[in-house]
N, C-alpha and C. Protein backbone atom coordinates (compact mmCIF):
# COMPACT_ATOMS: atom_id res chain seq x y z
N ASN A 1 -17.79 -140.27 5.39
CA ASN A 1 -18.08 -140.54 6.67
C ASN A 1 -16.66 -141.13 7.22
N CYS A 2 -16.05 -140.60 8.15
CA CYS A 2 -14.83 -141.10 8.71
C CYS A 2 -15.08 -141.28 10.19
N PHE A 3 -14.69 -142.50 10.70
CA PHE A 3 -14.79 -142.64 12.10
C PHE A 3 -13.73 -143.76 12.55
N PHE A 4 -13.75 -144.00 13.81
CA PHE A 4 -12.75 -144.89 14.37
C PHE A 4 -13.54 -146.16 14.90
N HIS A 5 -13.12 -147.30 14.49
CA HIS A 5 -13.74 -148.57 14.71
C HIS A 5 -12.91 -149.25 15.79
N GLY A 6 -13.52 -149.75 16.85
CA GLY A 6 -12.87 -150.47 18.01
C GLY A 6 -11.89 -151.64 17.67
N SER A 7 -12.13 -152.23 16.55
CA SER A 7 -11.27 -153.34 16.14
C SER A 7 -10.59 -153.23 14.92
N ARG A 8 -10.95 -152.19 13.96
CA ARG A 8 -10.34 -152.00 12.69
C ARG A 8 -9.58 -150.63 12.49
N GLY A 9 -9.65 -149.93 13.60
CA GLY A 9 -8.95 -148.58 13.57
C GLY A 9 -9.82 -147.50 12.62
N MET A 10 -9.09 -146.59 12.09
CA MET A 10 -9.69 -145.58 11.23
C MET A 10 -10.51 -146.19 10.07
N GLU A 11 -11.66 -145.68 9.75
CA GLU A 11 -12.46 -146.12 8.57
C GLU A 11 -12.93 -144.97 7.92
N PHE A 12 -13.16 -145.22 6.52
CA PHE A 12 -13.66 -144.20 5.57
C PHE A 12 -14.76 -144.82 4.84
N HIS A 13 -15.96 -144.26 4.83
CA HIS A 13 -17.13 -144.76 3.97
C HIS A 13 -17.65 -143.65 3.29
N GLU A 14 -17.85 -143.86 2.00
CA GLU A 14 -18.40 -142.80 1.21
C GLU A 14 -19.16 -143.51 0.07
N ILE A 15 -20.18 -142.79 -0.57
CA ILE A 15 -20.93 -143.23 -1.77
C ILE A 15 -20.37 -142.36 -2.89
N ASP A 16 -19.94 -143.01 -3.95
CA ASP A 16 -19.45 -142.29 -5.08
C ASP A 16 -20.63 -141.77 -5.93
N SER A 17 -20.33 -141.13 -6.93
CA SER A 17 -21.34 -140.39 -7.80
C SER A 17 -22.26 -141.45 -8.58
N THR A 18 -21.85 -142.75 -8.59
CA THR A 18 -22.75 -143.72 -9.23
C THR A 18 -23.33 -144.68 -8.13
N SER A 19 -23.36 -144.26 -6.91
CA SER A 19 -23.95 -144.94 -5.73
C SER A 19 -23.16 -146.22 -5.38
N VAL A 20 -21.83 -146.30 -5.79
CA VAL A 20 -21.06 -147.41 -5.39
C VAL A 20 -20.46 -147.10 -4.00
N ASN A 21 -20.47 -148.01 -3.14
CA ASN A 21 -19.94 -147.66 -1.82
C ASN A 21 -18.42 -147.81 -1.72
N ILE A 22 -17.71 -146.79 -1.23
CA ILE A 22 -16.28 -146.88 -1.00
C ILE A 22 -16.08 -147.14 0.40
N ASN A 23 -15.49 -148.34 0.73
CA ASN A 23 -15.14 -148.65 2.13
C ASN A 23 -13.71 -148.94 2.29
N GLU A 24 -13.07 -148.30 3.24
CA GLU A 24 -11.64 -148.60 3.49
C GLU A 24 -11.34 -148.50 5.00
N ASN A 25 -10.59 -149.39 5.55
CA ASN A 25 -10.17 -149.17 6.90
C ASN A 25 -8.67 -149.54 7.03
N VAL A 26 -8.12 -149.07 8.12
CA VAL A 26 -6.64 -149.24 8.47
C VAL A 26 -6.35 -150.77 8.73
N GLY A 27 -7.40 -151.34 9.38
CA GLY A 27 -7.32 -152.80 9.55
C GLY A 27 -6.59 -153.16 10.97
N ASN A 28 -6.12 -152.20 11.74
CA ASN A 28 -5.64 -152.53 13.08
C ASN A 28 -5.65 -151.43 13.97
N LEU A 29 -5.31 -151.57 15.27
CA LEU A 29 -5.29 -150.53 16.27
C LEU A 29 -3.87 -150.09 16.65
N ASP A 30 -2.85 -150.52 15.97
CA ASP A 30 -1.49 -150.30 16.30
C ASP A 30 -1.24 -148.74 16.48
N GLY A 31 -0.72 -148.41 17.56
CA GLY A 31 -0.23 -147.02 17.83
C GLY A 31 -1.34 -146.05 18.37
N TRP A 32 -2.57 -146.51 18.50
CA TRP A 32 -3.62 -145.68 18.95
C TRP A 32 -3.83 -145.95 20.49
N SER A 33 -4.15 -144.83 21.29
CA SER A 33 -4.20 -145.13 22.65
C SER A 33 -5.25 -144.14 23.21
N VAL A 34 -5.97 -144.64 24.20
CA VAL A 34 -7.07 -143.87 24.83
C VAL A 34 -6.46 -142.75 25.51
N GLY A 35 -7.07 -141.53 25.55
CA GLY A 35 -6.59 -140.29 26.22
C GLY A 35 -5.59 -139.55 25.66
N THR A 36 -5.19 -139.82 24.28
CA THR A 36 -4.10 -139.29 23.62
C THR A 36 -4.80 -138.53 22.41
N TRP A 37 -4.31 -137.18 22.21
CA TRP A 37 -4.70 -136.47 21.07
C TRP A 37 -3.83 -136.93 19.83
N PHE A 38 -4.58 -137.03 18.72
CA PHE A 38 -3.87 -137.27 17.49
C PHE A 38 -4.37 -136.33 16.31
N HIS A 39 -3.43 -135.99 15.42
CA HIS A 39 -3.84 -135.33 14.25
C HIS A 39 -4.13 -136.40 13.13
N VAL A 40 -5.34 -136.36 12.63
CA VAL A 40 -5.80 -137.50 11.82
C VAL A 40 -6.17 -136.84 10.45
N ALA A 41 -5.74 -137.31 9.35
CA ALA A 41 -6.12 -136.79 8.01
C ALA A 41 -6.28 -138.00 7.04
N ILE A 42 -7.43 -137.80 6.20
CA ILE A 42 -7.54 -138.74 5.11
C ILE A 42 -7.44 -137.86 3.83
N ILE A 43 -6.40 -138.27 3.05
CA ILE A 43 -6.02 -137.33 1.97
C ILE A 43 -6.08 -138.06 0.60
N ARG A 44 -6.77 -137.51 -0.31
CA ARG A 44 -6.78 -137.93 -1.69
C ARG A 44 -5.80 -137.12 -2.47
N GLY A 45 -4.86 -137.82 -3.22
CA GLY A 45 -3.86 -137.19 -3.96
C GLY A 45 -2.46 -137.42 -3.39
N TRP A 46 -2.37 -138.44 -2.54
CA TRP A 46 -1.18 -138.78 -1.85
C TRP A 46 -0.10 -139.11 -2.82
N GLY A 47 1.09 -138.56 -2.60
CA GLY A 47 2.22 -138.79 -3.49
C GLY A 47 2.13 -138.07 -4.77
N GLY A 48 1.13 -137.20 -4.85
CA GLY A 48 0.83 -136.48 -6.16
C GLY A 48 0.07 -137.21 -7.19
N VAL A 49 -0.43 -138.36 -6.75
CA VAL A 49 -1.29 -139.19 -7.59
C VAL A 49 -2.75 -139.01 -7.30
N ALA A 50 -3.50 -138.56 -8.21
CA ALA A 50 -4.94 -138.14 -7.96
C ALA A 50 -5.80 -139.22 -7.43
N ASP A 51 -5.57 -140.48 -7.60
CA ASP A 51 -6.44 -141.60 -7.17
C ASP A 51 -5.76 -142.37 -5.94
N ASP A 52 -4.66 -141.87 -5.43
CA ASP A 52 -4.02 -142.55 -4.28
C ASP A 52 -4.44 -141.77 -2.99
N TRP A 53 -4.86 -142.56 -2.05
CA TRP A 53 -5.33 -142.04 -0.77
C TRP A 53 -4.38 -142.48 0.45
N ALA A 54 -4.37 -141.70 1.41
CA ALA A 54 -3.61 -142.03 2.63
C ALA A 54 -4.39 -141.71 3.79
N PHE A 55 -4.37 -142.53 4.80
CA PHE A 55 -4.78 -142.23 6.16
C PHE A 55 -3.54 -141.92 7.01
N THR A 56 -3.54 -140.74 7.60
CA THR A 56 -2.30 -140.27 8.33
C THR A 56 -2.64 -140.10 9.80
N LYS A 57 -1.67 -140.39 10.73
CA LYS A 57 -1.89 -140.15 12.13
C LYS A 57 -0.61 -139.33 12.54
N ASP A 58 -0.83 -138.20 13.03
CA ASP A 58 0.27 -137.37 13.36
C ASP A 58 1.18 -137.04 12.18
N GLY A 59 0.71 -137.01 10.91
CA GLY A 59 1.49 -136.68 9.76
C GLY A 59 2.12 -137.86 9.10
N ALA A 60 2.07 -139.04 9.72
CA ALA A 60 2.77 -140.17 9.22
C ALA A 60 1.73 -141.22 8.57
N THR A 61 2.10 -141.81 7.47
CA THR A 61 1.10 -142.76 6.86
C THR A 61 0.86 -143.99 7.74
N VAL A 62 -0.43 -144.29 7.91
CA VAL A 62 -0.81 -145.57 8.58
C VAL A 62 -1.54 -146.55 7.56
N HIS A 63 -1.97 -146.07 6.43
CA HIS A 63 -2.60 -146.90 5.58
C HIS A 63 -2.76 -146.15 4.12
N THR A 64 -2.55 -146.80 3.09
CA THR A 64 -2.81 -146.26 1.71
C THR A 64 -3.61 -147.18 0.79
N PHE A 65 -4.35 -146.62 -0.02
CA PHE A 65 -5.18 -147.32 -0.97
C PHE A 65 -5.46 -146.54 -2.24
N SER A 66 -5.85 -147.23 -3.32
CA SER A 66 -6.23 -146.50 -4.57
C SER A 66 -7.66 -146.66 -4.95
N ASN A 67 -8.26 -145.52 -5.39
CA ASN A 67 -9.70 -145.61 -5.70
C ASN A 67 -9.93 -144.37 -6.67
N SER A 68 -10.41 -144.70 -7.81
CA SER A 68 -10.73 -143.63 -8.76
C SER A 68 -12.14 -143.11 -8.82
N SER A 69 -12.93 -143.48 -7.78
CA SER A 69 -14.40 -143.09 -7.81
C SER A 69 -14.46 -141.61 -7.65
N THR A 70 -15.54 -141.02 -8.19
CA THR A 70 -15.83 -139.64 -8.13
C THR A 70 -16.85 -139.51 -6.91
N ILE A 71 -16.39 -138.75 -5.94
CA ILE A 71 -17.29 -138.54 -4.79
C ILE A 71 -18.47 -137.77 -5.11
N ALA A 72 -19.60 -138.30 -4.52
CA ALA A 72 -20.84 -137.61 -4.92
C ALA A 72 -20.89 -136.19 -4.34
N ASP A 73 -21.63 -135.32 -5.05
CA ASP A 73 -21.74 -133.91 -4.54
C ASP A 73 -23.11 -133.89 -3.71
N HIS A 74 -22.90 -134.19 -2.42
CA HIS A 74 -24.02 -134.45 -1.48
C HIS A 74 -24.66 -133.09 -1.21
N THR A 75 -25.98 -133.21 -1.10
CA THR A 75 -26.82 -132.01 -0.81
C THR A 75 -27.60 -132.32 0.46
N SER A 76 -27.42 -133.48 1.06
CA SER A 76 -28.02 -133.87 2.28
C SER A 76 -27.15 -133.50 3.51
N THR A 77 -27.66 -134.02 4.71
CA THR A 77 -26.89 -133.74 5.87
C THR A 77 -25.54 -134.42 5.81
N PHE A 78 -24.50 -133.68 6.38
CA PHE A 78 -23.18 -134.16 6.42
C PHE A 78 -22.89 -134.49 8.02
N GLY A 79 -22.57 -135.67 8.23
CA GLY A 79 -22.35 -136.07 9.67
C GLY A 79 -20.85 -136.08 9.93
N ILE A 80 -20.47 -135.54 11.13
CA ILE A 80 -19.11 -135.60 11.59
C ILE A 80 -19.09 -136.21 12.97
N GLY A 81 -18.29 -137.35 13.06
CA GLY A 81 -18.08 -137.90 14.35
C GLY A 81 -19.11 -138.98 14.68
N ALA A 82 -19.99 -139.36 13.77
CA ALA A 82 -21.04 -140.31 14.13
C ALA A 82 -21.28 -141.07 12.81
N THR A 83 -21.83 -142.34 13.03
CA THR A 83 -22.15 -143.23 11.93
C THR A 83 -23.62 -143.67 12.19
N LEU A 84 -24.11 -144.51 11.35
CA LEU A 84 -25.37 -145.14 11.55
C LEU A 84 -25.36 -146.06 12.74
N GLN A 85 -24.27 -146.55 13.07
CA GLN A 85 -24.09 -147.50 14.12
C GLN A 85 -23.96 -146.78 15.46
N GLY A 86 -23.63 -145.50 15.47
CA GLY A 86 -23.45 -144.76 16.73
C GLY A 86 -22.31 -143.72 16.64
N GLY A 87 -21.90 -143.11 17.63
CA GLY A 87 -21.01 -142.07 17.63
C GLY A 87 -19.68 -142.39 18.14
N LEU A 88 -18.67 -141.53 17.94
CA LEU A 88 -17.34 -141.72 18.41
C LEU A 88 -17.34 -141.31 19.80
N ASN A 89 -16.69 -142.10 20.68
CA ASN A 89 -16.61 -141.86 22.07
C ASN A 89 -15.22 -141.14 22.30
N GLY A 90 -15.25 -139.90 22.02
CA GLY A 90 -14.00 -139.12 22.15
C GLY A 90 -14.24 -137.56 21.95
N TYR A 91 -13.17 -136.90 21.71
CA TYR A 91 -13.29 -135.46 21.51
C TYR A 91 -12.65 -135.23 20.16
N MET A 92 -13.08 -133.85 19.54
CA MET A 92 -12.47 -133.38 18.33
C MET A 92 -12.25 -131.99 18.52
N ASP A 93 -11.10 -131.51 18.04
CA ASP A 93 -10.85 -130.09 18.05
C ASP A 93 -10.20 -129.72 16.65
N GLU A 94 -10.94 -128.98 15.80
CA GLU A 94 -10.48 -128.58 14.48
C GLU A 94 -10.83 -129.71 13.50
N PHE A 95 -11.59 -129.21 12.54
CA PHE A 95 -12.11 -130.18 11.41
C PHE A 95 -12.01 -129.27 10.17
N ARG A 96 -11.37 -129.83 9.11
CA ARG A 96 -11.22 -129.00 7.83
C ARG A 96 -11.47 -130.10 6.64
N LEU A 97 -12.40 -129.64 5.75
CA LEU A 97 -12.68 -130.36 4.56
C LEU A 97 -12.28 -129.48 3.42
N SER A 98 -11.38 -130.02 2.60
CA SER A 98 -10.81 -129.22 1.38
C SER A 98 -11.02 -129.94 0.14
N ASN A 99 -10.87 -129.24 -1.00
CA ASN A 99 -11.06 -129.87 -2.34
C ASN A 99 -9.76 -130.09 -2.96
N VAL A 100 -8.74 -129.95 -2.26
CA VAL A 100 -7.34 -130.29 -2.73
C VAL A 100 -6.54 -131.11 -1.64
N ALA A 101 -5.47 -131.76 -2.05
CA ALA A 101 -4.70 -132.47 -1.08
C ALA A 101 -3.81 -131.42 -0.40
N ARG A 102 -3.90 -131.29 0.96
CA ARG A 102 -3.08 -130.28 1.72
C ARG A 102 -1.75 -130.83 1.89
N TRP A 103 -1.63 -132.09 1.93
CA TRP A 103 -0.24 -132.86 2.07
C TRP A 103 -0.26 -133.94 1.12
N THR A 104 0.94 -134.23 0.58
CA THR A 104 1.17 -135.32 -0.43
C THR A 104 2.22 -136.28 -0.06
N ALA A 105 2.86 -136.02 1.21
CA ALA A 105 3.93 -136.78 1.72
C ALA A 105 3.95 -136.64 3.27
N ASP A 106 4.72 -137.48 3.94
CA ASP A 106 4.78 -137.45 5.32
C ASP A 106 5.01 -136.00 5.75
N PHE A 107 4.15 -135.53 6.77
CA PHE A 107 4.36 -134.23 7.25
C PHE A 107 4.43 -134.22 8.79
N SER A 108 4.92 -135.25 9.35
CA SER A 108 5.08 -135.39 10.77
C SER A 108 6.00 -134.43 11.42
N ALA A 109 7.03 -133.90 10.66
CA ALA A 109 7.84 -132.83 11.18
C ALA A 109 7.32 -131.53 11.15
N SER A 110 6.15 -131.44 10.55
CA SER A 110 5.51 -130.04 10.44
C SER A 110 3.99 -130.05 10.73
N LEU A 111 3.63 -130.68 11.75
CA LEU A 111 2.20 -130.67 12.08
C LEU A 111 1.73 -129.35 12.52
N PRO A 112 0.43 -128.99 12.03
CA PRO A 112 -0.03 -127.67 12.42
C PRO A 112 -0.11 -127.52 13.90
N THR A 113 0.15 -126.25 14.35
CA THR A 113 0.12 -125.84 15.70
C THR A 113 -0.78 -124.84 16.00
N VAL A 114 -1.47 -124.23 14.99
CA VAL A 114 -2.46 -123.17 15.16
C VAL A 114 -3.68 -123.57 14.38
N GLU A 115 -4.87 -122.86 14.72
CA GLU A 115 -5.98 -123.07 13.89
C GLU A 115 -5.85 -122.83 12.36
N TYR A 116 -6.45 -123.72 11.61
CA TYR A 116 -6.43 -123.53 10.17
C TYR A 116 -7.12 -122.16 9.81
N THR A 117 -6.70 -121.67 8.67
CA THR A 117 -7.32 -120.50 8.06
C THR A 117 -8.06 -120.95 6.88
N SER A 118 -9.16 -120.18 6.50
CA SER A 118 -9.96 -120.56 5.32
C SER A 118 -9.28 -119.97 4.09
N ASP A 119 -9.41 -120.73 2.97
CA ASP A 119 -8.84 -120.19 1.70
C ASP A 119 -9.86 -120.70 0.62
N ALA A 120 -9.53 -120.55 -0.67
CA ALA A 120 -10.40 -120.91 -1.78
C ALA A 120 -10.63 -122.37 -1.84
N ASN A 121 -9.79 -123.23 -1.26
CA ASN A 121 -10.01 -124.66 -1.26
C ASN A 121 -10.70 -125.12 -0.13
N THR A 122 -10.99 -124.38 0.91
CA THR A 122 -11.69 -124.81 2.12
C THR A 122 -13.26 -124.98 1.85
N GLN A 123 -13.75 -126.21 2.05
CA GLN A 123 -15.13 -126.44 1.82
C GLN A 123 -15.88 -126.35 3.14
N LEU A 124 -15.23 -126.64 4.32
CA LEU A 124 -15.82 -126.65 5.58
C LEU A 124 -14.67 -126.48 6.66
N LEU A 125 -14.80 -125.57 7.58
CA LEU A 125 -13.83 -125.42 8.60
C LEU A 125 -14.52 -125.16 9.96
N ILE A 126 -14.26 -126.09 10.94
CA ILE A 126 -14.73 -125.95 12.20
C ILE A 126 -13.63 -125.95 13.19
N HIS A 127 -13.47 -124.77 13.99
CA HIS A 127 -12.55 -124.62 14.97
C HIS A 127 -12.91 -125.29 16.35
N CYS A 128 -14.20 -125.45 16.39
CA CYS A 128 -14.84 -125.98 17.68
C CYS A 128 -15.00 -124.89 18.74
N ASN A 129 -14.74 -123.66 18.35
CA ASN A 129 -14.98 -122.53 19.27
C ASN A 129 -15.86 -121.50 18.65
N GLU A 130 -16.58 -121.85 17.64
CA GLU A 130 -17.43 -120.88 16.95
C GLU A 130 -18.51 -120.45 17.95
N THR A 131 -18.99 -119.17 17.74
CA THR A 131 -20.11 -118.68 18.54
C THR A 131 -21.37 -119.32 18.25
N ILE A 132 -22.07 -119.72 19.25
CA ILE A 132 -23.39 -120.28 19.20
C ILE A 132 -24.40 -119.24 18.53
N ALA A 133 -24.99 -119.53 17.42
CA ALA A 133 -25.93 -118.64 16.80
C ALA A 133 -27.38 -118.76 17.42
N SER A 134 -27.76 -119.86 17.77
CA SER A 134 -29.09 -120.10 18.40
C SER A 134 -29.05 -121.44 19.13
N GLY A 135 -30.04 -121.58 20.15
CA GLY A 135 -30.12 -122.75 20.98
C GLY A 135 -28.99 -122.76 21.94
N THR A 136 -28.91 -123.81 22.73
CA THR A 136 -27.93 -124.03 23.85
C THR A 136 -27.21 -125.20 23.60
N THR A 137 -25.90 -125.23 23.87
CA THR A 137 -25.02 -126.43 23.79
C THR A 137 -25.69 -127.62 24.39
N GLY A 138 -25.70 -128.72 23.75
CA GLY A 138 -26.22 -129.98 24.20
C GLY A 138 -27.72 -130.20 23.83
N SER A 139 -28.29 -129.25 23.27
CA SER A 139 -29.75 -129.34 22.83
C SER A 139 -30.04 -128.64 21.52
N GLY A 140 -29.28 -128.98 20.49
CA GLY A 140 -29.47 -128.52 19.19
C GLY A 140 -28.89 -127.12 18.89
N ALA A 141 -27.90 -126.71 19.43
CA ALA A 141 -27.25 -125.47 19.19
C ALA A 141 -26.78 -125.37 17.79
N THR A 142 -26.99 -124.18 17.15
CA THR A 142 -26.40 -124.04 15.83
C THR A 142 -25.31 -122.95 15.81
N PHE A 143 -24.42 -123.09 14.76
CA PHE A 143 -23.41 -122.12 14.57
C PHE A 143 -23.03 -122.14 13.11
N VAL A 144 -22.22 -121.08 12.70
CA VAL A 144 -21.78 -121.00 11.30
C VAL A 144 -20.35 -121.33 11.33
N ASP A 145 -19.95 -122.23 10.39
CA ASP A 145 -18.62 -122.70 10.26
C ASP A 145 -17.60 -121.56 10.08
N SER A 146 -16.27 -121.75 10.40
CA SER A 146 -15.28 -120.70 10.23
C SER A 146 -14.77 -120.48 8.92
N GLY A 147 -15.18 -121.32 7.93
CA GLY A 147 -14.69 -121.18 6.53
C GLY A 147 -15.32 -120.01 5.78
N ASN A 148 -15.01 -119.88 4.55
CA ASN A 148 -15.58 -118.80 3.78
C ASN A 148 -16.86 -119.30 3.14
N THR A 149 -17.47 -120.50 3.48
CA THR A 149 -18.63 -120.98 2.78
C THR A 149 -20.04 -120.66 3.58
N GLY A 150 -19.89 -120.41 4.84
CA GLY A 150 -21.00 -120.02 5.65
C GLY A 150 -21.99 -121.07 6.02
N HIS A 151 -21.50 -122.41 6.06
CA HIS A 151 -22.38 -123.53 6.40
C HIS A 151 -22.98 -123.41 7.87
N THR A 152 -24.18 -123.62 8.03
CA THR A 152 -24.79 -123.67 9.37
C THR A 152 -24.70 -125.07 9.87
N MET A 153 -24.17 -125.21 10.95
CA MET A 153 -24.01 -126.50 11.61
C MET A 153 -24.87 -126.69 12.75
N THR A 154 -25.32 -127.88 13.05
CA THR A 154 -26.27 -128.09 14.14
C THR A 154 -25.83 -129.28 15.02
N GLU A 155 -25.74 -129.03 16.33
CA GLU A 155 -25.47 -130.20 17.19
C GLU A 155 -26.63 -131.21 17.21
N VAL A 156 -26.37 -132.48 17.10
CA VAL A 156 -27.42 -133.57 17.23
C VAL A 156 -26.97 -134.56 18.08
N ASN A 157 -27.89 -135.34 18.52
CA ASN A 157 -27.75 -136.46 19.41
C ASN A 157 -26.76 -136.29 20.54
N GLN A 158 -25.81 -137.03 20.76
CA GLN A 158 -24.83 -136.91 21.87
C GLN A 158 -23.67 -135.98 21.51
N ILE A 159 -23.71 -135.30 20.44
CA ILE A 159 -22.53 -134.49 20.13
C ILE A 159 -22.77 -133.12 20.63
N ILE A 160 -21.92 -132.67 21.62
CA ILE A 160 -22.06 -131.35 22.28
C ILE A 160 -20.71 -130.84 22.38
N ARG A 161 -20.76 -129.47 22.45
CA ARG A 161 -19.48 -128.71 22.63
C ARG A 161 -19.14 -128.54 24.14
N THR A 162 -17.92 -128.88 24.39
CA THR A 162 -17.41 -128.66 25.76
C THR A 162 -16.04 -127.94 25.69
N SER A 163 -15.91 -126.91 26.33
CA SER A 163 -14.58 -126.32 26.41
C SER A 163 -13.89 -126.10 25.03
N ALA A 164 -14.56 -125.50 24.03
CA ALA A 164 -14.14 -125.44 22.77
C ALA A 164 -13.57 -126.63 22.07
N GLN A 165 -14.18 -127.74 22.40
CA GLN A 165 -14.03 -129.01 21.69
C GLN A 165 -15.35 -129.65 21.56
N TYR A 166 -15.49 -130.70 20.63
CA TYR A 166 -16.73 -131.32 20.57
C TYR A 166 -16.67 -132.71 21.14
N LYS A 167 -17.58 -133.14 21.97
CA LYS A 167 -17.53 -134.41 22.66
C LYS A 167 -18.51 -135.32 21.88
N PHE A 168 -18.02 -136.56 21.53
CA PHE A 168 -18.86 -137.49 20.78
C PHE A 168 -19.34 -138.63 21.64
């Protein structure tokens, strides 16, 4: 679960395979501004070290930490853009979940400029312009992700697609 907290910045929460809660946050709001698009990544394997993590904003490191926990193989609902406390008040365009570190060092000089493509390491890929399979936007529409895994995604609560982006 990754989200943005109004006083602590980016946060990552996950349960490892032994039910231990992994909690980490950037700890500040430096450099974030309302009405601005950012490329955000949470990367495990930073610096080529398996248990080193980095939060990046526009390819530059904003926070690092170490954690050797094994992330649980969840079979339940996977939420994007919302937490138990509520949703993100913003927009998202392009979401990718991978089982490898796509970057291991600063990549601010080579930020992606086109949609990601699916490969063997892609676990979930959402371009935010997928064709609605059933329902209508804003009332539980479903679509299949753009990766090679074929996950069916469902809009819930206040999360709706607007102009090929998702509003939270």
